[in-house]
Amino acid sequence: LNQTLIKNQDMMRRKVKEIEEREIHTAL
């Protein structure tokens, strides 16, 4: 259970980073 939770958190963090980068690119 812990491993799946950690993996899900990592996936969410990666998605958030990708979205933030896209927003920064569109802002620029």
N, C-alpha and C. Protein backbone atom coordinates (compact mmCIF):
# COMPACT_ATOMS: atom_id res chain seq x y z
N LEU A 1 0.84 -1.21 0.00
CA LEU A 1 0.00 0.00 0.00
C LEU A 1 0.87 1.25 0.00
N ASN A 2 1.91 1.27 0.84
CA ASN A 2 2.77 2.46 0.90
C ASN A 2 3.41 2.73 -0.46
N GLN A 3 3.91 1.68 -1.10
CA GLN A 3 4.59 1.87 -2.40
C GLN A 3 3.63 2.46 -3.43
N THR A 4 2.38 1.96 -3.47
CA THR A 4 1.43 2.48 -4.45
C THR A 4 1.11 3.93 -4.15
N LEU A 5 0.99 4.28 -2.86
CA LEU A 5 0.70 5.67 -2.48
C LEU A 5 1.84 6.57 -2.92
N ILE A 6 3.08 6.13 -2.66
CA ILE A 6 4.25 6.95 -3.04
C ILE A 6 4.28 7.12 -4.55
N LYS A 7 3.99 6.04 -5.28
CA LYS A 7 4.01 6.13 -6.75
C LYS A 7 2.95 7.10 -7.23
N ASN A 8 1.75 7.02 -6.63
CA ASN A 8 0.67 7.94 -7.03
C ASN A 8 1.08 9.38 -6.76
N GLN A 9 1.71 9.63 -5.60
CA GLN A 9 2.14 10.99 -5.26
C GLN A 9 3.17 11.47 -6.27
N ASP A 10 4.10 10.59 -6.66
CA ASP A 10 5.14 10.97 -7.64
C ASP A 10 4.49 11.31 -8.98
N MET A 11 3.51 10.52 -9.40
CA MET A 11 2.83 10.79 -10.67
C MET A 11 2.12 12.14 -10.60
N MET A 12 1.44 12.42 -9.49
CA MET A 12 0.74 13.69 -9.34
C MET A 12 1.73 14.84 -9.39
N ARG A 13 2.87 14.69 -8.69
CA ARG A 13 3.88 15.76 -8.68
C ARG A 13 4.38 16.02 -10.09
N ARG A 14 4.63 14.94 -10.85
CA ARG A 14 5.12 15.11 -12.23
C ARG A 14 4.07 15.84 -13.07
N LYS A 15 2.80 15.46 -12.91
CA LYS A 15 1.73 16.12 -13.68
C LYS A 15 1.67 17.60 -13.32
N VAL A 16 1.76 17.90 -12.03
CA VAL A 16 1.70 19.30 -11.58
C VAL A 16 2.86 20.07 -12.19
N LYS A 17 4.06 19.46 -12.18
CA LYS A 17 5.24 20.14 -12.74
C LYS A 17 5.03 20.40 -14.23
N GLU A 18 4.51 19.41 -14.95
CA GLU A 18 4.28 19.58 -16.39
C GLU A 18 3.27 20.70 -16.63
N ILE A 19 2.20 20.72 -15.85
CA ILE A 19 1.17 21.77 -16.02
C ILE A 19 1.77 23.13 -15.71
N GLU A 20 2.56 23.22 -14.64
CA GLU A 20 3.17 24.50 -14.27
C GLU A 20 4.09 24.98 -15.38
N GLU A 21 4.89 24.07 -15.94
CA GLU A 21 5.81 24.44 -17.02
C GLU A 21 5.02 24.94 -18.23
N ARG A 22 3.92 24.27 -18.55
CA ARG A 22 3.10 24.68 -19.70
C ARG A 22 2.54 26.07 -19.45
N GLU A 23 2.06 26.32 -18.22
CA GLU A 23 1.49 27.63 -17.89
C GLU A 23 2.56 28.71 -18.01
N ILE A 24 3.78 28.40 -17.56
CA ILE A 24 4.88 29.38 -17.64
C ILE A 24 5.17 29.68 -19.11
N HIS A 25 5.22 28.64 -19.95
CA HIS A 25 5.51 28.84 -21.38
C HIS A 25 4.42 29.68 -22.04
N THR A 26 3.15 29.41 -21.69
CA THR A 26 2.06 30.16 -22.30
C THR A 26 2.09 31.60 -21.80
N ALA A 27 2.48 31.80 -20.54
CA ALA A 27 2.54 33.16 -19.98
C ALA A 27 3.62 33.96 -20.71
N LEU A 28 4.75 33.29 -21.00
CA LEU A 28 5.84 33.98 -21.69
C LEU A 28 5.47 34.13 -23.17
